[in-house]
Amino acid sequence: MPTSGLTREALSIDLSVETVRSLNEQLHGSLSPQLVRVLNPSGKHAIAVGIDAPHEVEIEGHVGYYCAGMNKQAIIRVRGNCGVGVAENMMSGS
C-alpha cells in the first residue's frame, strides 16, 4: 500500500490533543485502509501497536518504547528516534 507518488488525503491525529489509546482504538477499528499521519508523538510509548489492517502510518517525531509492536499488515514509518522494542513481535507489514 505504499503511496508510490500518488497524492492521497491522510487522516491526521495529533497526540498533543488525542491520547495514544484513542489513536490505537481508531487503528484497530473499522477504518478503511488508509494513510494515517500521527503528529506530536513527543516520545509517548506504545504508539500504533497491535494493528491488524493494511494501514499506512506515518509518525512525525520521536516515539518511546514498543512503537509498532505486534503489527500485522500495516506499513509504519517513524520520522524520528525510537525507544526500545520498536516493531517487537511484528508478524507482517513493514
PDB file of N, CA and C in Angstrom:
ATOM      1  N   MET A   1       0.799  -1.190   0.000  1.00  0.00           N
ATOM      2  CA  MET A   1       0.000   0.000   0.000  1.00  0.00           C
ATOM      3  C   MET A   1       0.855   1.272   0.000  1.00  0.00           C
ATOM      4  N   PRO A   2       2.125   1.221  -0.362  1.00  0.00           N
ATOM      5  CA  PRO A   2       2.937   2.432  -0.422  1.00  0.00           C
ATOM      6  C   PRO A   2       2.345   3.440  -1.392  1.00  0.00           C
ATOM      7  N   THR A   3       2.598   4.701  -1.136  1.00  0.00           N
ATOM      8  CA  THR A   3       1.979   5.762  -1.920  1.00  0.00           C
ATOM      9  C   THR A   3       2.468   5.809  -3.355  1.00  0.00           C
ATOM     10  N   SER A   4       3.666   5.368  -3.648  1.00  0.00           N
ATOM     11  CA  SER A   4       4.233   5.329  -4.995  1.00  0.00           C
ATOM     12  C   SER A   4       3.942   6.591  -5.806  1.00  0.00           C
ATOM     13  N   GLY A   5       4.129   7.753  -5.191  1.00  0.00           N
ATOM     14  CA  GLY A   5       3.993   9.007  -5.912  1.00  0.00           C
ATOM     15  C   GLY A   5       2.576   9.533  -6.025  1.00  0.00           C
ATOM     16  N   LEU A   6       1.586   8.766  -5.633  1.00  0.00           N
ATOM     17  CA  LEU A   6       0.210   9.236  -5.705  1.00  0.00           C
ATOM     18  C   LEU A   6      -0.094  10.111  -4.498  1.00  0.00           C
ATOM     19  N   THR A   7      -0.880  11.143  -4.707  1.00  0.00           N
ATOM     20  CA  THR A   7      -1.272  12.009  -3.600  1.00  0.00           C
ATOM     21  C   THR A   7      -2.584  11.495  -3.028  1.00  0.00           C
ATOM     22  N   ARG A   8      -2.588  11.249  -1.726  1.00  0.00           N
ATOM     23  CA  ARG A   8      -3.805  10.806  -1.058  1.00  0.00           C
ATOM     24  C   ARG A   8      -4.041  11.696   0.142  1.00  0.00           C
ATOM     25  N   GLU A   9      -5.283  11.809   0.500  1.00  0.00           N
ATOM     26  CA  GLU A   9      -5.619  12.552   1.703  1.00  0.00           C
ATOM     27  C   GLU A   9      -5.375  11.651   2.908  1.00  0.00           C
ATOM     28  N   ALA A  10      -4.754  12.213   3.926  1.00  0.00           N
ATOM     29  CA  ALA A  10      -4.426  11.441   5.123  1.00  0.00           C
ATOM     30  C   ALA A  10      -5.343  11.825   6.272  1.00  0.00           C
ATOM     31  N   LEU A  11      -5.591  10.865   7.136  1.00  0.00           N
ATOM     32  CA  LEU A  11      -6.232  11.136   8.411  1.00  0.00           C
ATOM     33  C   LEU A  11      -5.114  11.564   9.344  1.00  0.00           C
ATOM     34  N   SER A  12      -5.184  12.778   9.898  1.00  0.00           N
ATOM     35  CA  SER A  12      -4.156  13.270  10.819  1.00  0.00           C
ATOM     36  C   SER A  12      -4.668  13.184  12.247  1.00  0.00           C
ATOM     37  N   ILE A  13      -3.827  12.620  13.113  1.00  0.00           N
ATOM     38  CA  ILE A  13      -4.153  12.511  14.532  1.00  0.00           C
ATOM     39  C   ILE A  13      -3.029  13.173  15.312  1.00  0.00           C
ATOM     40  N   ASP A  14      -3.372  14.192  16.080  1.00  0.00           N
ATOM     41  CA  ASP A  14      -2.400  14.979  16.843  1.00  0.00           C
ATOM     42  C   ASP A  14      -2.379  14.474  18.283  1.00  0.00           C
ATOM     43  N   LEU A  15      -1.258  13.884  18.681  1.00  0.00           N
ATOM     44  CA  LEU A  15      -1.168  13.325  20.030  1.00  0.00           C
ATOM     45  C   LEU A  15      -0.947  14.373  21.111  1.00  0.00           C
ATOM     46  N   SER A  16      -0.872  15.646  20.725  1.00  0.00           N
ATOM     47  CA  SER A  16      -0.894  16.690  21.754  1.00  0.00           C
ATOM     48  C   SER A  16      -2.339  16.988  22.162  1.00  0.00           C
ATOM     49  N   VAL A  17      -3.294  16.460  21.387  1.00  0.00           N
ATOM     50  CA  VAL A  17      -4.724  16.638  21.657  1.00  0.00           C
ATOM     51  C   VAL A  17      -5.384  15.295  21.993  1.00  0.00           C
ATOM     52  N   GLU A  18      -5.102  14.273  21.194  1.00  0.00           N
ATOM     53  CA  GLU A  18      -5.678  12.931  21.373  1.00  0.00           C
ATOM     54  C   GLU A  18      -4.765  12.086  22.260  1.00  0.00           C
ATOM     55  N   THR A  19      -5.301  11.010  22.803  1.00  0.00           N
ATOM     56  CA  THR A  19      -4.491  10.079  23.590  1.00  0.00           C
ATOM     57  C   THR A  19      -3.969   8.956  22.694  1.00  0.00           C
ATOM     58  N   VAL A  20      -2.926   8.287  23.154  1.00  0.00           N
ATOM     59  CA  VAL A  20      -2.405   7.122  22.432  1.00  0.00           C
ATOM     60  C   VAL A  20      -3.478   6.040  22.374  1.00  0.00           C
ATOM     61  N   ARG A  21      -4.217   5.869  23.440  1.00  0.00           N
ATOM     62  CA  ARG A  21      -5.300   4.872  23.454  1.00  0.00           C
ATOM     63  C   ARG A  21      -6.323   5.169  22.361  1.00  0.00           C
ATOM     64  N   SER A  22      -6.698   6.430  22.207  1.00  0.00           N
ATOM     65  CA  SER A  22      -7.652   6.822  21.169  1.00  0.00           C
ATOM     66  C   SER A  22      -7.091   6.530  19.777  1.00  0.00           C
ATOM     67  N   LEU A  23      -5.826   6.861  19.556  1.00  0.00           N
ATOM     68  CA  LEU A  23      -5.177   6.564  18.270  1.00  0.00           C
ATOM     69  C   LEU A  23      -5.233   5.069  17.991  1.00  0.00           C
ATOM     70  N   ASN A  24      -4.785   4.265  18.943  1.00  0.00           N
ATOM     71  CA  ASN A  24      -4.744   2.820  18.727  1.00  0.00           C
ATOM     72  C   ASN A  24      -6.141   2.240  18.528  1.00  0.00           C
ATOM     73  N   GLU A  25      -7.134   2.749  19.238  1.00  0.00           N
ATOM     74  CA  GLU A  25      -8.512   2.282  19.036  1.00  0.00           C
ATOM     75  C   GLU A  25      -8.982   2.575  17.616  1.00  0.00           C
ATOM     76  N   GLN A  26      -8.637   3.754  17.095  1.00  0.00           N
ATOM     77  CA  GLN A  26      -9.022   4.086  15.721  1.00  0.00           C
ATOM     78  C   GLN A  26      -8.320   3.173  14.722  1.00  0.00           C
ATOM     79  N   LEU A  27      -7.043   2.873  14.961  1.00  0.00           N
ATOM     80  CA  LEU A  27      -6.298   1.996  14.056  1.00  0.00           C
ATOM     81  C   LEU A  27      -6.796   0.553  14.126  1.00  0.00           C
ATOM     82  N   HIS A  28      -7.366   0.150  15.247  1.00  0.00           N
ATOM     83  CA  HIS A  28      -7.907  -1.206  15.401  1.00  0.00           C
ATOM     84  C   HIS A  28      -9.352  -1.285  14.936  1.00  0.00           C
ATOM     85  N   GLY A  29     -10.013  -0.154  14.807  1.00  0.00           N
ATOM     86  CA  GLY A  29     -11.438  -0.110  14.496  1.00  0.00           C
ATOM     87  C   GLY A  29     -11.741  -0.382  13.041  1.00  0.00           C
ATOM     88  N   SER A  30     -12.852   0.123  12.613  1.00  0.00           N
ATOM     89  CA  SER A  30     -13.366  -0.185  11.280  1.00  0.00           C
ATOM     90  C   SER A  30     -12.944   0.828  10.220  1.00  0.00           C
ATOM     91  N   LEU A  31     -11.842   1.529  10.436  1.00  0.00           N
ATOM     92  CA  LEU A  31     -11.344   2.427   9.388  1.00  0.00           C
ATOM     93  C   LEU A  31     -11.054   1.620   8.135  1.00  0.00           C
ATOM     94  N   SER A  32     -11.410   2.157   6.977  1.00  0.00           N
ATOM     95  CA  SER A  32     -10.973   1.501   5.755  1.00  0.00           C
ATOM     96  C   SER A  32      -9.468   1.738   5.634  1.00  0.00           C
ATOM     97  N   PRO A  33      -8.741   0.866   4.935  1.00  0.00           N
ATOM     98  CA  PRO A  33      -7.291   1.036   4.819  1.00  0.00           C
ATOM     99  C   PRO A  33      -6.953   2.427   4.301  1.00  0.00           C
ATOM    100  N   GLN A  34      -6.080   3.097   5.003  1.00  0.00           N
ATOM    101  CA  GLN A  34      -5.760   4.451   4.599  1.00  0.00           C
ATOM    102  C   GLN A  34      -4.434   4.905   5.166  1.00  0.00           C
ATOM    103  N   LEU A  35      -4.035   6.079   4.741  1.00  0.00           N
ATOM    104  CA  LEU A  35      -2.848   6.742   5.259  1.00  0.00           C
ATOM    105  C   LEU A  35      -3.238   7.492   6.525  1.00  0.00           C
ATOM    106  N   VAL A  36      -2.522   7.230   7.609  1.00  0.00           N
ATOM    107  CA  VAL A  36      -2.771   7.891   8.889  1.00  0.00           C
ATOM    108  C   VAL A  36      -1.488   8.599   9.290  1.00  0.00           C
ATOM    109  N   ARG A  37      -1.562   9.885   9.496  1.00  0.00           N
ATOM    110  CA  ARG A  37      -0.396  10.677   9.900  1.00  0.00           C
ATOM    111  C   ARG A  37      -0.546  11.015  11.381  1.00  0.00           C
ATOM    112  N   VAL A  38       0.477  10.648  12.169  1.00  0.00           N
ATOM    113  CA  VAL A  38       0.473  10.896  13.610  1.00  0.00           C
ATOM    114  C   VAL A  38       1.413  12.061  13.888  1.00  0.00           C
ATOM    115  N   LEU A  39       0.876  13.114  14.476  1.00  0.00           N
ATOM    116  CA  LEU A  39       1.644  14.319  14.768  1.00  0.00           C
ATOM    117  C   LEU A  39       1.925  14.423  16.263  1.00  0.00           C
ATOM    118  N   ASN A  40       3.041  15.056  16.608  1.00  0.00           N
ATOM    119  CA  ASN A  40       3.419  15.343  18.002  1.00  0.00           C
ATOM    120  C   ASN A  40       3.419  14.118  18.914  1.00  0.00           C
ATOM    121  N   PRO A  41       4.136  13.056  18.535  1.00  0.00           N
ATOM    122  CA  PRO A  41       4.173  11.889  19.412  1.00  0.00           C
ATOM    123  C   PRO A  41       4.933  12.141  20.717  1.00  0.00           C
ATOM    124  N   SER A  42       5.868  13.064  20.713  1.00  0.00           N
ATOM    125  CA  SER A  42       6.565  13.517  21.933  1.00  0.00           C
ATOM    126  C   SER A  42       7.109  12.392  22.806  1.00  0.00           C
ATOM    127  N   GLY A  43       7.618  11.329  22.182  1.00  0.00           N
ATOM    128  CA  GLY A  43       8.237  10.244  22.936  1.00  0.00           C
ATOM    129  C   GLY A  43       7.272   9.334  23.672  1.00  0.00           C
ATOM    130  N   LYS A  44       5.986   9.414  23.332  1.00  0.00           N
ATOM    131  CA  LYS A  44       4.993   8.558  24.005  1.00  0.00           C
ATOM    132  C   LYS A  44       5.226   7.092  23.626  1.00  0.00           C
ATOM    133  N   HIS A  45       4.858   6.197  24.530  1.00  0.00           N
ATOM    134  CA  HIS A  45       5.073   4.761  24.357  1.00  0.00           C
ATOM    135  C   HIS A  45       3.863   4.089  23.706  1.00  0.00           C
ATOM    136  N   ALA A  46       4.119   2.933  23.075  1.00  0.00           N
ATOM    137  CA  ALA A  46       3.075   2.043  22.539  1.00  0.00           C
ATOM    138  C   ALA A  46       2.205   2.701  21.469  1.00  0.00           C
ATOM    139  N   ILE A  47       2.803   3.505  20.619  1.00  0.00           N
ATOM    140  CA  ILE A  47       2.077   4.133  19.512  1.00  0.00           C
ATOM    141  C   ILE A  47       1.947   3.126  18.373  1.00  0.00           C
ATOM    142  N   ALA A  48       0.761   3.028  17.806  1.00  0.00           N
ATOM    143  CA  ALA A  48       0.473   2.176  16.641  1.00  0.00           C
ATOM    144  C   ALA A  48       0.796   0.706  16.911  1.00  0.00           C
ATOM    145  N   VAL A  49       0.361   0.186  18.042  1.00  0.00           N
ATOM    146  CA  VAL A  49       0.601  -1.223  18.373  1.00  0.00           C
ATOM    147  C   VAL A  49      -0.631  -2.074  18.069  1.00  0.00           C
ATOM    148  N   GLY A  50      -0.388  -3.331  17.737  1.00  0.00           N
ATOM    149  CA  GLY A  50      -1.466  -4.297  17.554  1.00  0.00           C
ATOM    150  C   GLY A  50      -2.337  -4.068  16.339  1.00  0.00           C
ATOM    151  N   ILE A  51      -1.821  -3.425  15.309  1.00  0.00           N
ATOM    152  CA  ILE A  51      -2.627  -3.156  14.110  1.00  0.00           C
ATOM    153  C   ILE A  51      -2.750  -4.434  13.291  1.00  0.00           C
ATOM    154  N   ASP A  52      -3.955  -4.750  12.873  1.00  0.00           N
ATOM    155  CA  ASP A  52      -4.213  -5.901  12.008  1.00  0.00           C
ATOM    156  C   ASP A  52      -5.053  -5.436  10.825  1.00  0.00           C
ATOM    157  N   ALA A  53      -4.534  -4.453  10.102  1.00  0.00           N
ATOM    158  CA  ALA A  53      -5.207  -3.880   8.932  1.00  0.00           C
ATOM    159  C   ALA A  53      -4.130  -3.267   8.038  1.00  0.00           C
ATOM    160  N   PRO A  54      -4.381  -3.170   6.750  1.00  0.00           N
ATOM    161  CA  PRO A  54      -3.357  -2.659   5.832  1.00  0.00           C
ATOM    162  C   PRO A  54      -3.269  -1.133   5.789  1.00  0.00           C
ATOM    163  N   HIS A  55      -3.169  -0.509   6.956  1.00  0.00           N
ATOM    164  CA  HIS A  55      -2.993   0.940   7.019  1.00  0.00           C
ATOM    165  C   HIS A  55      -1.546   1.300   6.708  1.00  0.00           C
ATOM    166  N   GLU A  56      -1.342   2.536   6.323  1.00  0.00           N
ATOM    167  CA  GLU A  56      -0.008   3.112   6.204  1.00  0.00           C
ATOM    168  C   GLU A  56       0.051   4.223   7.247  1.00  0.00           C
ATOM    169  N   VAL A  57       0.935   4.086   8.230  1.00  0.00           N
ATOM    170  CA  VAL A  57       1.010   5.018   9.353  1.00  0.00           C
ATOM    171  C   VAL A  57       2.341   5.749   9.289  1.00  0.00           C
ATOM    172  N   GLU A  58       2.282   7.075   9.248  1.00  0.00           N
ATOM    173  CA  GLU A  58       3.485   7.908   9.255  1.00  0.00           C
ATOM    174  C   GLU A  58       3.500   8.687  10.558  1.00  0.00           C
ATOM    175  N   ILE A  59       4.530   8.461  11.364  1.00  0.00           N
ATOM    176  CA  ILE A  59       4.651   9.121  12.661  1.00  0.00           C
ATOM    177  C   ILE A  59       5.706  10.208  12.532  1.00  0.00           C
ATOM    178  N   GLU A  60       5.290  11.445  12.767  1.00  0.00           N
ATOM    179  CA  GLU A  60       6.155  12.612  12.578  1.00  0.00           C
ATOM    180  C   GLU A  60       6.763  13.047  13.906  1.00  0.00           C
ATOM    181  N   GLY A  61       7.872  12.421  14.294  1.00  0.00           N
ATOM    182  CA  GLY A  61       8.549  12.792  15.531  1.00  0.00           C
ATOM    183  C   GLY A  61       9.032  11.573  16.288  1.00  0.00           C
ATOM    184  N   HIS A  62       9.590  11.809  17.460  1.00  0.00           N
ATOM    185  CA  HIS A  62      10.191  10.758  18.274  1.00  0.00           C
ATOM    186  C   HIS A  62       9.130   9.960  19.022  1.00  0.00           C
ATOM    187  N   VAL A  63       9.362   8.638  19.107  1.00  0.00           N
ATOM    188  CA  VAL A  63       8.447   7.749  19.824  1.00  0.00           C
ATOM    189  C   VAL A  63       9.186   7.045  20.954  1.00  0.00           C
ATOM    190  N   GLY A  64       8.439   6.587  21.943  1.00  0.00           N
ATOM    191  CA  GLY A  64       9.016   5.879  23.083  1.00  0.00           C
ATOM    192  C   GLY A  64       9.084   4.383  22.835  1.00  0.00           C
ATOM    193  N   TYR A  65       8.866   3.616  23.880  1.00  0.00           N
ATOM    194  CA  TYR A  65       9.001   2.164  23.837  1.00  0.00           C
ATOM    195  C   TYR A  65       7.874   1.503  23.052  1.00  0.00           C
ATOM    196  N   TYR A  66       8.206   0.425  22.383  1.00  0.00           N
ATOM    197  CA  TYR A  66       7.284  -0.522  21.756  1.00  0.00           C
ATOM    198  C   TYR A  66       6.396   0.045  20.653  1.00  0.00           C
ATOM    199  N   CYS A  67       6.819   1.084  19.999  1.00  0.00           N
ATOM    200  CA  CYS A  67       6.085   1.593  18.831  1.00  0.00           C
ATOM    201  C   CYS A  67       6.003   0.493  17.774  1.00  0.00           C
ATOM    202  N   ALA A  68       4.859   0.351  17.142  1.00  0.00           N
ATOM    203  CA  ALA A  68       4.625  -0.590  16.038  1.00  0.00           C
ATOM    204  C   ALA A  68       4.718  -2.054  16.462  1.00  0.00           C
ATOM    205  N   GLY A  69       4.642  -2.334  17.735  1.00  0.00           N
ATOM    206  CA  GLY A  69       4.708  -3.715  18.202  1.00  0.00           C
ATOM    207  C   GLY A  69       3.462  -4.504  17.827  1.00  0.00           C
ATOM    208  N   MET A  70       3.614  -5.803  17.686  1.00  0.00           N
ATOM    209  CA  MET A  70       2.524  -6.737  17.389  1.00  0.00           C
ATOM    210  C   MET A  70       1.749  -6.337  16.132  1.00  0.00           C
ATOM    211  N   ASN A  71       2.445  -5.827  15.143  1.00  0.00           N
ATOM    212  CA  ASN A  71       1.832  -5.368  13.897  1.00  0.00           C
ATOM    213  C   ASN A  71       1.596  -6.532  12.938  1.00  0.00           C
ATOM    214  N   LYS A  72       0.456  -6.501  12.274  1.00  0.00           N
ATOM    215  CA  LYS A  72       0.187  -7.368  11.129  1.00  0.00           C
ATOM    216  C   LYS A  72      -0.342  -6.462  10.025  1.00  0.00           C
ATOM    217  N   GLN A  73       0.225  -6.543   8.859  1.00  0.00           N
ATOM    218  CA  GLN A  73      -0.247  -5.896   7.636  1.00  0.00           C
ATOM    219  C   GLN A  73       0.159  -4.442   7.450  1.00  0.00           C
ATOM    220  N   ALA A  74       0.232  -3.644   8.492  1.00  0.00           N
ATOM    221  CA  ALA A  74       0.447  -2.198   8.326  1.00  0.00           C
ATOM    222  C   ALA A  74       1.883  -1.867   7.932  1.00  0.00           C
ATOM    223  N   ILE A  75       2.020  -0.757   7.247  1.00  0.00           N
ATOM    224  CA  ILE A  75       3.322  -0.159   6.960  1.00  0.00           C
ATOM    225  C   ILE A  75       3.438   1.029   7.901  1.00  0.00           C
ATOM    226  N   ILE A  76       4.470   1.021   8.735  1.00  0.00           N
ATOM    227  CA  ILE A  76       4.632   2.075   9.738  1.00  0.00           C
ATOM    228  C   ILE A  76       5.997   2.715   9.565  1.00  0.00           C
ATOM    229  N   ARG A  77       6.012   4.036   9.430  1.00  0.00           N
ATOM    230  CA  ARG A  77       7.258   4.795   9.299  1.00  0.00           C
ATOM    231  C   ARG A  77       7.357   5.770  10.461  1.00  0.00           C
ATOM    232  N   VAL A  78       8.545   5.843  11.058  1.00  0.00           N
ATOM    233  CA  VAL A  78       8.794   6.808  12.127  1.00  0.00           C
ATOM    234  C   VAL A  78       9.824   7.795  11.611  1.00  0.00           C
ATOM    235  N   ARG A  79       9.463   9.053  11.579  1.00  0.00           N
ATOM    236  CA  ARG A  79      10.389  10.112  11.177  1.00  0.00           C
ATOM    237  C   ARG A  79      10.920  10.773  12.447  1.00  0.00           C
ATOM    238  N   GLY A  80      11.774  10.038  13.132  1.00  0.00           N
ATOM    239  CA  GLY A  80      12.354  10.477  14.392  1.00  0.00           C
ATOM    240  C   GLY A  80      13.058   9.304  15.036  1.00  0.00           C
ATOM    241  N   ASN A  81      13.447   9.452  16.270  1.00  0.00           N
ATOM    242  CA  ASN A  81      14.109   8.385  17.018  1.00  0.00           C
ATOM    243  C   ASN A  81      13.077   7.488  17.685  1.00  0.00           C
ATOM    244  N   CYS A  82      13.498   6.240  17.966  1.00  0.00           N
ATOM    245  CA  CYS A  82      12.615   5.252  18.586  1.00  0.00           C
ATOM    246  C   CYS A  82      13.238   4.726  19.867  1.00  0.00           C
ATOM    247  N   GLY A  83      12.390   4.427  20.838  1.00  0.00           N
ATOM    248  CA  GLY A  83      12.844   3.781  22.065  1.00  0.00           C
ATOM    249  C   GLY A  83      13.015   2.288  21.847  1.00  0.00           C
ATOM    250  N   VAL A  84      13.272   1.558  22.916  1.00  0.00           N
ATOM    251  CA  VAL A  84      13.494   0.111  22.815  1.00  0.00           C
ATOM    252  C   VAL A  84      12.212  -0.609  22.408  1.00  0.00           C
ATOM    253  N   GLY A  85      12.379  -1.782  21.827  1.00  0.00           N
ATOM    254  CA  GLY A  85      11.255  -2.638  21.487  1.00  0.00           C
ATOM    255  C   GLY A  85      10.484  -2.212  20.253  1.00  0.00           C
ATOM    256  N   VAL A  86      11.037  -1.310  19.448  1.00  0.00           N
ATOM    257  CA  VAL A  86      10.323  -0.881  18.247  1.00  0.00           C
ATOM    258  C   VAL A  86      10.061  -2.102  17.354  1.00  0.00           C
ATOM    259  N   ALA A  87       8.841  -2.228  16.860  1.00  0.00           N
ATOM    260  CA  ALA A  87       8.405  -3.328  15.987  1.00  0.00           C
ATOM    261  C   ALA A  87       8.551  -4.700  16.648  1.00  0.00           C
ATOM    262  N   GLU A  88       8.516  -4.747  17.960  1.00  0.00           N
ATOM    263  CA  GLU A  88       8.601  -6.003  18.715  1.00  0.00           C
ATOM    264  C   GLU A  88       7.451  -6.929  18.324  1.00  0.00           C
ATOM    265  N   ASN A  89       7.769  -8.189  18.046  1.00  0.00           N
ATOM    266  CA  ASN A  89       6.775  -9.213  17.725  1.00  0.00           C
ATOM    267  C   ASN A  89       5.957  -8.868  16.480  1.00  0.00           C
ATOM    268  N   MET A  90       6.582  -8.240  15.501  1.00  0.00           N
ATOM    269  CA  MET A  90       5.912  -7.893  14.245  1.00  0.00           C
ATOM    270  C   MET A  90       5.726  -9.166  13.416  1.00  0.00           C
ATOM    271  N   MET A  91       4.505  -9.420  12.982  1.00  0.00           N
ATOM    272  CA  MET A  91       4.190 -10.636  12.245  1.00  0.00           C
ATOM    273  C   MET A  91       4.263 -10.438  10.733  1.00  0.00           C
ATOM    274  N   SER A  92       3.855  -9.270  10.246  1.00  0.00           N
ATOM    275  CA  SER A  92       3.923  -8.936   8.826  1.00  0.00           C
ATOM    276  C   SER A  92       3.850  -7.423   8.721  1.00  0.00           C
ATOM    277  N   GLY A  93       3.874  -6.920   7.511  1.00  0.00           N
ATOM    278  CA  GLY A  93       3.927  -5.471   7.322  1.00  0.00           C
ATOM    279  C   GLY A  93       5.374  -5.019   7.326  1.00  0.00           C
ATOM    280  N   SER A  94       5.568  -3.715   7.454  1.00  0.00           N
ATOM    281  CA  SER A  94       6.946  -3.197   7.476  1.00  0.00           C
ATOM    282  C   SER A  94       7.000  -1.886   8.231  1.00  0.00           C
TER     283      SER A  94
END
